[in-house]
Amino acid sequence: MTSTLADRITVNPNQCGGRPCIRGMRIRVKDVLDMLAGGASEAQILADFPDLESADIRASIACAASYLDHAVLVAA
Protein backbone atom coordinates (compact mmCIF):
# COMPACT_ATOMS: atom_id res chain seq x y z
CA MET A 1 0.00 0.00 0.00
CA THR A 2 1.19 3.51 -0.68
CA SER A 3 1.87 5.92 2.16
CA THR A 4 -1.28 7.89 1.28
CA LEU A 5 -3.34 4.71 1.43
CA ALA A 6 -1.72 3.72 4.72
CA ASP A 7 -2.57 7.17 6.13
CA ARG A 8 -6.23 6.87 5.15
CA ILE A 9 -6.99 3.19 5.72
CA THR A 10 -6.52 1.94 9.26
CA VAL A 11 -6.95 -1.47 10.86
CA ASN A 12 -7.55 -1.73 14.59
CA PRO A 13 -8.37 -5.15 16.04
CA ASN A 14 -10.55 -3.43 18.66
CA GLN A 15 -12.65 -1.51 16.13
CA CYS A 16 -15.21 -2.89 13.65
CA GLY A 17 -13.96 -6.42 14.18
CA GLY A 18 -10.53 -5.55 12.82
CA ARG A 19 -11.92 -4.64 9.41
CA PRO A 20 -10.26 -1.82 7.43
CA CYS A 21 -11.74 1.58 8.31
CA ILE A 22 -11.30 5.13 7.10
CA ARG A 23 -8.83 7.20 9.15
CA GLY A 24 -9.64 5.49 12.45
CA MET A 25 -13.35 6.31 12.18
CA ARG A 26 -16.00 3.63 12.39
CA ILE A 27 -16.67 3.94 8.67
CA ARG A 28 -15.58 0.67 7.09
CA VAL A 29 -13.94 0.48 3.68
CA LYS A 30 -16.58 -2.14 2.86
CA ASP A 31 -19.37 0.36 3.51
CA VAL A 32 -17.89 2.78 0.98
CA LEU A 33 -17.31 0.01 -1.56
CA ASP A 34 -20.85 -1.33 -1.10
CA MET A 35 -22.27 2.12 -1.77
CA LEU A 36 -20.16 2.47 -4.92
CA ALA A 37 -21.21 -1.00 -6.08
CA GLY A 38 -24.82 -0.02 -5.48
CA GLY A 39 -24.48 2.93 -7.83
CA ALA A 40 -23.99 5.75 -5.34
CA SER A 41 -22.03 8.71 -6.62
CA GLU A 42 -19.12 10.23 -4.79
CA ALA A 43 -21.34 13.20 -3.92
CA GLN A 44 -23.98 10.90 -2.41
CA ILE A 45 -21.40 9.07 -0.31
CA LEU A 46 -19.90 12.33 0.94
CA ALA A 47 -23.40 13.57 1.81
CA ASP A 48 -24.15 10.39 3.77
CA PHE A 49 -20.79 10.48 5.56
CA PRO A 50 -19.88 14.16 6.08
CA ASP A 51 -16.58 13.25 7.78
CA LEU A 52 -15.32 11.53 4.63
CA GLU A 53 -13.20 13.22 1.99
CA SER A 54 -12.90 12.41 -1.72
CA ALA A 55 -9.44 10.99 -1.08
CA ASP A 56 -10.98 8.51 1.39
CA ILE A 57 -13.19 7.10 -1.35
CA ARG A 58 -10.22 6.74 -3.70
CA ALA A 59 -8.22 5.10 -0.89
CA SER A 60 -11.06 2.61 -0.35
CA ILE A 61 -10.94 1.62 -4.01
CA ALA A 62 -7.14 1.39 -3.90
CA CYS A 63 -7.35 -0.77 -0.78
CA ALA A 64 -9.67 -3.21 -2.56
CA ALA A 65 -7.43 -3.27 -5.62
CA SER A 66 -4.38 -3.93 -3.46
CA TYR A 67 -6.18 -6.68 -1.58
CA LEU A 68 -7.13 -8.44 -4.82
CA ASP A 69 -3.72 -8.09 -6.46
CA HIS A 70 -2.18 -11.45 -5.69
CA ALA A 71 -1.24 -14.53 -7.62
CA VAL A 72 -3.68 -17.42 -7.71
CA LEU A 73 -2.11 -20.85 -7.59
CA VAL A 74 -4.07 -23.65 -9.20
CA ALA A 75 -3.23 -27.26 -8.39
CA ALA A 76 -2.66 -29.30 -11.53
PDB file of N, CA and C in Angstrom:
ATOM      1  N   MET A   1       0.849  -1.181   0.000  1.00  0.00           N
ATOM      2  CA  MET A   1       0.000   0.000   0.000  1.00  0.00           C
ATOM      3  C   MET A   1       0.889   1.238   0.000  1.00  0.00           C
ATOM      4  N   THR A   2       0.428   2.275  -0.644  1.00  0.00           N
ATOM      5  CA  THR A   2       1.191   3.514  -0.682  1.00  0.00           C
ATOM      6  C   THR A   2       1.067   4.229   0.652  1.00  0.00           C
ATOM      7  N   SER A   3       1.930   5.205   0.886  1.00  0.00           N
ATOM      8  CA  SER A   3       1.874   5.922   2.161  1.00  0.00           C
ATOM      9  C   SER A   3       0.548   6.673   2.294  1.00  0.00           C
ATOM     10  N   THR A   4       0.010   7.197   1.207  1.00  0.00           N
ATOM     11  CA  THR A   4      -1.278   7.887   1.280  1.00  0.00           C
ATOM     12  C   THR A   4      -2.374   6.905   1.674  1.00  0.00           C
ATOM     13  N   LEU A   5      -2.351   5.728   1.091  1.00  0.00           N
ATOM     14  CA  LEU A   5      -3.338   4.711   1.431  1.00  0.00           C
ATOM     15  C   LEU A   5      -3.186   4.301   2.891  1.00  0.00           C
ATOM     16  N   ALA A   6      -1.970   4.104   3.336  1.00  0.00           N
ATOM     17  CA  ALA A   6      -1.724   3.716   4.724  1.00  0.00           C
ATOM     18  C   ALA A   6      -2.172   4.815   5.689  1.00  0.00           C
ATOM     19  N   ASP A   7      -2.117   6.065   5.279  1.00  0.00           N
ATOM     20  CA  ASP A   7      -2.566   7.166   6.125  1.00  0.00           C
ATOM     21  C   ASP A   7      -4.084   7.215   6.229  1.00  0.00           C
ATOM     22  N   ARG A   8      -4.772   6.763   5.195  1.00  0.00           N
ATOM     23  CA  ARG A   8      -6.227   6.872   5.154  1.00  0.00           C
ATOM     24  C   ARG A   8      -6.956   5.613   5.585  1.00  0.00           C
ATOM     25  N   ILE A   9      -6.349   4.459   5.374  1.00  0.00           N
ATOM     26  CA  ILE A   9      -6.992   3.192   5.722  1.00  0.00           C
ATOM     27  C   ILE A   9      -6.296   2.632   6.959  1.00  0.00           C
ATOM     28  N   THR A  10      -7.077   2.430   8.006  1.00  0.00           N
ATOM     29  CA  THR A  10      -6.520   1.939   9.265  1.00  0.00           C
ATOM     30  C   THR A  10      -7.179   0.612   9.640  1.00  0.00           C
ATOM     31  N   VAL A  11      -6.427  -0.196  10.353  1.00  0.00           N
ATOM     32  CA  VAL A  11      -6.950  -1.465  10.861  1.00  0.00           C
ATOM     33  C   VAL A  11      -6.632  -1.523  12.347  1.00  0.00           C
ATOM     34  N   ASN A  12      -7.678  -1.650  13.141  1.00  0.00           N
ATOM     35  CA  ASN A  12      -7.545  -1.733  14.589  1.00  0.00           C
ATOM     36  C   ASN A  12      -8.327  -2.963  15.043  1.00  0.00           C
ATOM     37  N   PRO A  13      -7.663  -3.934  15.643  1.00  0.00           N
ATOM     38  CA  PRO A  13      -8.374  -5.151  16.044  1.00  0.00           C
ATOM     39  C   PRO A  13      -9.510  -4.895  17.036  1.00  0.00           C
ATOM     40  N   ASN A  14      -9.508  -3.753  17.689  1.00  0.00           N
ATOM     41  CA  ASN A  14     -10.551  -3.426  18.663  1.00  0.00           C
ATOM     42  C   ASN A  14     -11.668  -2.571  18.075  1.00  0.00           C
ATOM     43  N   GLN A  15     -11.645  -2.368  16.765  1.00  0.00           N
ATOM     44  CA  GLN A  15     -12.648  -1.507  16.127  1.00  0.00           C
ATOM     45  C   GLN A  15     -13.213  -2.219  14.904  1.00  0.00           C
ATOM     46  N   CYS A  16     -14.519  -2.299  14.812  1.00  0.00           N
ATOM     47  CA  CYS A  16     -15.214  -2.886  13.654  1.00  0.00           C
ATOM     48  C   CYS A  16     -14.709  -4.294  13.346  1.00  0.00           C
ATOM     49  N   GLY A  17     -14.404  -5.050  14.370  1.00  0.00           N
ATOM     50  CA  GLY A  17     -13.961  -6.422  14.182  1.00  0.00           C
ATOM     51  C   GLY A  17     -12.636  -6.551  13.452  1.00  0.00           C
ATOM     52  N   GLY A  18     -11.823  -5.513  13.486  1.00  0.00           N
ATOM     53  CA  GLY A  18     -10.526  -5.552  12.818  1.00  0.00           C
ATOM     54  C   GLY A  18     -10.603  -5.307  11.324  1.00  0.00           C
ATOM     55  N   ARG A  19     -11.766  -4.915  10.838  1.00  0.00           N
ATOM     56  CA  ARG A  19     -11.915  -4.637   9.407  1.00  0.00           C
ATOM     57  C   ARG A  19     -11.316  -3.279   9.067  1.00  0.00           C
ATOM     58  N   PRO A  20     -10.833  -3.114   7.838  1.00  0.00           N
ATOM     59  CA  PRO A  20     -10.259  -1.824   7.432  1.00  0.00           C
ATOM     60  C   PRO A  20     -11.291  -0.700   7.537  1.00  0.00           C
ATOM     61  N   CYS A  21     -10.877   0.407   8.128  1.00  0.00           N
ATOM     62  CA  CYS A  21     -11.737   1.582   8.309  1.00  0.00           C
ATOM     63  C   CYS A  21     -11.054   2.813   7.717  1.00  0.00           C
ATOM     64  N   ILE A  22     -11.811   3.882   7.621  1.00  0.00           N
ATOM     65  CA  ILE A  22     -11.302   5.134   7.097  1.00  0.00           C
ATOM     66  C   ILE A  22     -10.773   5.976   8.254  1.00  0.00           C
ATOM     67  N   ARG A  23      -9.499   6.291   8.215  1.00  0.00           N
ATOM     68  CA  ARG A  23      -8.828   7.205   9.147  1.00  0.00           C
ATOM     69  C   ARG A  23      -9.235   7.017  10.607  1.00  0.00           C
ATOM     70  N   GLY A  24      -9.347   5.765  11.040  1.00  0.00           N
ATOM     71  CA  GLY A  24      -9.642   5.494  12.445  1.00  0.00           C
ATOM     72  C   GLY A  24     -11.090   5.720  12.839  1.00  0.00           C
ATOM     73  N   MET A  25     -11.920   6.142  11.896  1.00  0.00           N
ATOM     74  CA  MET A  25     -13.345   6.312  12.183  1.00  0.00           C
ATOM     75  C   MET A  25     -14.032   4.957  12.071  1.00  0.00           C
ATOM     76  N   ARG A  26     -15.253   4.880  12.495  1.00  0.00           N
ATOM     77  CA  ARG A  26     -16.004   3.631  12.390  1.00  0.00           C
ATOM     78  C   ARG A  26     -16.757   3.558  11.058  1.00  0.00           C
ATOM     79  N   ILE A  27     -16.143   4.066  10.029  1.00  0.00           N
ATOM     80  CA  ILE A  27     -16.669   3.936   8.669  1.00  0.00           C
ATOM     81  C   ILE A  27     -15.777   2.908   7.981  1.00  0.00           C
ATOM     82  N   ARG A  28     -16.364   1.743   7.683  1.00  0.00           N
ATOM     83  CA  ARG A  28     -15.576   0.671   7.094  1.00  0.00           C
ATOM     84  C   ARG A  28     -15.361   0.891   5.599  1.00  0.00           C
ATOM     85  N   VAL A  29     -14.228   0.435   5.120  1.00  0.00           N
ATOM     86  CA  VAL A  29     -13.936   0.479   3.685  1.00  0.00           C
ATOM     87  C   VAL A  29     -15.046  -0.251   2.940  1.00  0.00           C
ATOM     88  N   LYS A  30     -15.510  -1.362   3.485  1.00  0.00           N
ATOM     89  CA  LYS A  30     -16.579  -2.139   2.865  1.00  0.00           C
ATOM     90  C   LYS A  30     -17.847  -1.315   2.679  1.00  0.00           C
ATOM     91  N   ASP A  31     -18.171  -0.467   3.630  1.00  0.00           N
ATOM     92  CA  ASP A  31     -19.368   0.362   3.513  1.00  0.00           C
ATOM     93  C   ASP A  31     -19.272   1.286   2.299  1.00  0.00           C
ATOM     94  N   VAL A  32     -18.105   1.881   2.126  1.00  0.00           N
ATOM     95  CA  VAL A  32     -17.890   2.781   0.980  1.00  0.00           C
ATOM     96  C   VAL A  32     -17.962   1.985  -0.322  1.00  0.00           C
ATOM     97  N   LEU A  33     -17.307   0.828  -0.354  1.00  0.00           N
ATOM     98  CA  LEU A  33     -17.314   0.009  -1.563  1.00  0.00           C
ATOM     99  C   LEU A  33     -18.715  -0.500  -1.887  1.00  0.00           C
ATOM    100  N   ASP A  34     -19.468  -0.887  -0.874  1.00  0.00           N
ATOM    101  CA  ASP A  34     -20.849  -1.332  -1.095  1.00  0.00           C
ATOM    102  C   ASP A  34     -21.696  -0.220  -1.702  1.00  0.00           C
ATOM    103  N   MET A  35     -21.505   0.991  -1.227  1.00  0.00           N
ATOM    104  CA  MET A  35     -22.270   2.115  -1.774  1.00  0.00           C
ATOM    105  C   MET A  35     -21.897   2.363  -3.231  1.00  0.00           C
ATOM    106  N   LEU A  36     -20.594   2.302  -3.532  1.00  0.00           N
ATOM    107  CA  LEU A  36     -20.156   2.474  -4.917  1.00  0.00           C
ATOM    108  C   LEU A  36     -20.727   1.370  -5.801  1.00  0.00           C
ATOM    109  N   ALA A  37     -20.678   0.140  -5.320  1.00  0.00           N
ATOM    110  CA  ALA A  37     -21.206  -0.996  -6.078  1.00  0.00           C
ATOM    111  C   ALA A  37     -22.710  -0.867  -6.303  1.00  0.00           C
ATOM    112  N   GLY A  38     -23.380  -0.230  -5.370  1.00  0.00           N
ATOM    113  CA  GLY A  38     -24.822  -0.019  -5.483  1.00  0.00           C
ATOM    114  C   GLY A  38     -25.201   1.148  -6.374  1.00  0.00           C
ATOM    115  N   GLY A  39     -24.198   1.836  -6.902  1.00  0.00           N
ATOM    116  CA  GLY A  39     -24.477   2.926  -7.830  1.00  0.00           C
ATOM    117  C   GLY A  39     -24.438   4.318  -7.228  1.00  0.00           C
ATOM    118  N   ALA A  40     -24.069   4.429  -5.973  1.00  0.00           N
ATOM    119  CA  ALA A  40     -23.993   5.751  -5.338  1.00  0.00           C
ATOM    120  C   ALA A  40     -22.844   6.550  -5.947  1.00  0.00           C
ATOM    121  N   SER A  41     -23.087   7.827  -6.111  1.00  0.00           N
ATOM    122  CA  SER A  41     -22.033   8.708  -6.617  1.00  0.00           C
ATOM    123  C   SER A  41     -21.143   9.147  -5.456  1.00  0.00           C
ATOM    124  N   GLU A  42     -20.007   9.697  -5.815  1.00  0.00           N
ATOM    125  CA  GLU A  42     -19.119  10.232  -4.786  1.00  0.00           C
ATOM    126  C   GLU A  42     -19.841  11.293  -3.964  1.00  0.00           C
ATOM    127  N   ALA A  43     -20.603  12.144  -4.621  1.00  0.00           N
ATOM    128  CA  ALA A  43     -21.336  13.200  -3.918  1.00  0.00           C
ATOM    129  C   ALA A  43     -22.341  12.617  -2.927  1.00  0.00           C
ATOM    130  N   GLN A  44     -23.014  11.532  -3.313  1.00  0.00           N
ATOM    131  CA  GLN A  44     -23.976  10.902  -2.406  1.00  0.00           C
ATOM    132  C   GLN A  44     -23.281  10.307  -1.188  1.00  0.00           C
ATOM    133  N   ILE A  45     -22.145   9.675  -1.419  1.00  0.00           N
ATOM    134  CA  ILE A  45     -21.403   9.070  -0.305  1.00  0.00           C
ATOM    135  C   ILE A  45     -20.914  10.154   0.645  1.00  0.00           C
ATOM    136  N   LEU A  46     -20.387  11.231   0.095  1.00  0.00           N
ATOM    137  CA  LEU A  46     -19.904  12.328   0.941  1.00  0.00           C
ATOM    138  C   LEU A  46     -21.052  12.983   1.709  1.00  0.00           C
ATOM    139  N   ALA A  47     -22.233  13.011   1.119  1.00  0.00           N
ATOM    140  CA  ALA A  47     -23.395  13.572   1.815  1.00  0.00           C
ATOM    141  C   ALA A  47     -23.832  12.654   2.963  1.00  0.00           C
ATOM    142  N   ASP A  48     -23.762  11.346   2.729  1.00  0.00           N
ATOM    143  CA  ASP A  48     -24.153  10.387   3.767  1.00  0.00           C
ATOM    144  C   ASP A  48     -23.140  10.306   4.900  1.00  0.00           C
ATOM    145  N   PHE A  49     -21.865  10.527   4.574  1.00  0.00           N
ATOM    146  CA  PHE A  49     -20.786  10.478   5.559  1.00  0.00           C
ATOM    147  C   PHE A  49     -20.020  11.795   5.513  1.00  0.00           C
ATOM    148  N   PRO A  50     -20.500  12.836   6.186  1.00  0.00           N
ATOM    149  CA  PRO A  50     -19.883  14.162   6.084  1.00  0.00           C
ATOM    150  C   PRO A  50     -18.425  14.224   6.535  1.00  0.00           C
ATOM    151  N   ASP A  51     -17.974  13.253   7.331  1.00  0.00           N
ATOM    152  CA  ASP A  51     -16.577  13.255   7.777  1.00  0.00           C
ATOM    153  C   ASP A  51     -15.624  12.693   6.732  1.00  0.00           C
ATOM    154  N   LEU A  52     -16.159  12.073   5.694  1.00  0.00           N
ATOM    155  CA  LEU A  52     -15.315  11.529   4.628  1.00  0.00           C
ATOM    156  C   LEU A  52     -14.841  12.626   3.691  1.00  0.00           C
ATOM    157  N   GLU A  53     -13.748  12.343   3.026  1.00  0.00           N
ATOM    158  CA  GLU A  53     -13.201  13.222   1.991  1.00  0.00           C
ATOM    159  C   GLU A  53     -13.095  12.416   0.703  1.00  0.00           C
ATOM    160  N   SER A  54     -13.018  13.094  -0.422  1.00  0.00           N
ATOM    161  CA  SER A  54     -12.899  12.414  -1.715  1.00  0.00           C
ATOM    162  C   SER A  54     -11.725  11.453  -1.728  1.00  0.00           C
ATOM    163  N   ALA A  55     -10.625  11.841  -1.122  1.00  0.00           N
ATOM    164  CA  ALA A  55      -9.438  10.990  -1.078  1.00  0.00           C
ATOM    165  C   ALA A  55      -9.703   9.696  -0.300  1.00  0.00           C
ATOM    166  N   ASP A  56     -10.629   9.724   0.646  1.00  0.00           N
ATOM    167  CA  ASP A  56     -10.975   8.511   1.392  1.00  0.00           C
ATOM    168  C   ASP A  56     -11.661   7.499   0.485  1.00  0.00           C
ATOM    169  N   ILE A  57     -12.502   7.982  -0.415  1.00  0.00           N
ATOM    170  CA  ILE A  57     -13.190   7.101  -1.352  1.00  0.00           C
ATOM    171  C   ILE A  57     -12.182   6.471  -2.303  1.00  0.00           C
ATOM    172  N   ARG A  58     -11.264   7.277  -2.815  1.00  0.00           N
ATOM    173  CA  ARG A  58     -10.221   6.744  -3.705  1.00  0.00           C
ATOM    174  C   ARG A  58      -9.339   5.746  -2.956  1.00  0.00           C
ATOM    175  N   ALA A  59      -9.040   6.018  -1.693  1.00  0.00           N
ATOM    176  CA  ALA A  59      -8.225   5.101  -0.893  1.00  0.00           C
ATOM    177  C   ALA A  59      -8.961   3.783  -0.669  1.00  0.00           C
ATOM    178  N   SER A  60     -10.274   3.836  -0.509  1.00  0.00           N
ATOM    179  CA  SER A  60     -11.062   2.611  -0.345  1.00  0.00           C
ATOM    180  C   SER A  60     -10.962   1.739  -1.588  1.00  0.00           C
ATOM    181  N   ILE A  61     -11.057   2.360  -2.747  1.00  0.00           N
ATOM    182  CA  ILE A  61     -10.935   1.622  -4.006  1.00  0.00           C
ATOM    183  C   ILE A  61      -9.524   1.056  -4.146  1.00  0.00           C
ATOM    184  N   ALA A  62      -8.532   1.854  -3.824  1.00  0.00           N
ATOM    185  CA  ALA A  62      -7.143   1.395  -3.903  1.00  0.00           C
ATOM    186  C   ALA A  62      -6.886   0.245  -2.933  1.00  0.00           C
ATOM    187  N   CYS A  63      -7.499   0.299  -1.774  1.00  0.00           N
ATOM    188  CA  CYS A  63      -7.347  -0.773  -0.783  1.00  0.00           C
ATOM    189  C   CYS A  63      -7.908  -2.072  -1.343  1.00  0.00           C
ATOM    190  N   ALA A  64      -9.076  -2.013  -1.959  1.00  0.00           N
ATOM    191  CA  ALA A  64      -9.673  -3.211  -2.556  1.00  0.00           C
ATOM    192  C   ALA A  64      -8.806  -3.743  -3.685  1.00  0.00           C
ATOM    193  N   ALA A  65      -8.293  -2.852  -4.517  1.00  0.00           N
ATOM    194  CA  ALA A  65      -7.434  -3.268  -5.624  1.00  0.00           C
ATOM    195  C   ALA A  65      -6.169  -3.928  -5.100  1.00  0.00           C
ATOM    196  N   SER A  66      -5.601  -3.367  -4.063  1.00  0.00           N
ATOM    197  CA  SER A  66      -4.384  -3.926  -3.460  1.00  0.00           C
ATOM    198  C   SER A  66      -4.660  -5.292  -2.854  1.00  0.00           C
ATOM    199  N   TYR A  67      -5.794  -5.426  -2.218  1.00  0.00           N
ATOM    200  CA  TYR A  67      -6.184  -6.684  -1.577  1.00  0.00           C
ATOM    201  C   TYR A  67      -6.337  -7.794  -2.616  1.00  0.00           C
ATOM    202  N   LEU A  68      -6.865  -7.444  -3.785  1.00  0.00           N
ATOM    203  CA  LEU A  68      -7.133  -8.436  -4.816  1.00  0.00           C
ATOM    204  C   LEU A  68      -5.954  -8.702  -5.729  1.00  0.00           C
ATOM    205  N   ASP A  69      -4.883  -7.957  -5.585  1.00  0.00           N
ATOM    206  CA  ASP A  69      -3.725  -8.095  -6.463  1.00  0.00           C
ATOM    207  C   ASP A  69      -2.748  -9.124  -5.906  1.00  0.00           C
ATOM    208  N   HIS A  70      -3.077 -10.378  -6.123  1.00  0.00           N
ATOM    209  CA  HIS A  70      -2.182 -11.449  -5.689  1.00  0.00           C
ATOM    210  C   HIS A  70      -2.285 -12.608  -6.680  1.00  0.00           C
ATOM    211  N   ALA A  71      -1.250 -13.379  -6.724  1.00  0.00           N
ATOM    212  CA  ALA A  71      -1.244 -14.531  -7.624  1.00  0.00           C
ATOM    213  C   ALA A  71      -2.190 -15.610  -7.111  1.00  0.00           C
ATOM    214  N   VAL A  72      -2.809 -16.302  -8.035  1.00  0.00           N
ATOM    215  CA  VAL A  72      -3.681 -17.421  -7.706  1.00  0.00           C
ATOM    216  C   VAL A  72      -3.001 -18.692  -8.178  1.00  0.00           C
ATOM    217  N   LEU A  73      -2.748 -19.589  -7.255  1.00  0.00           N
ATOM    218  CA  LEU A  73      -2.107 -20.846  -7.592  1.00  0.00           C
ATOM    219  C   LEU A  73      -3.177 -21.911  -7.783  1.00  0.00           C
ATOM    220  N   VAL A  74      -3.096 -22.604  -8.900  1.00  0.00           N
ATOM    221  CA  VAL A  74      -4.066 -23.654  -9.198  1.00  0.00           C
ATOM    222  C   VAL A  74      -3.336 -24.991  -9.202  1.00  0.00           C
ATOM    223  N   ALA A  75      -3.855 -25.932  -8.434  1.00  0.00           N
ATOM    224  CA  ALA A  75      -3.234 -27.260  -8.395  1.00  0.00           C
ATOM    225  C   ALA A  75      -3.510 -27.966  -9.712  1.00  0.00           C
ATOM    226  N   ALA A  76      -2.495 -28.608 -10.239  1.00  0.00           N
ATOM    227  CA  ALA A  76      -2.655 -29.304 -11.528  1.00  0.00           C
ATOM    228  C   ALA A  76      -3.223 -30.682 -11.347  1.00  0.00           C
TER     229      ALA A  76
END
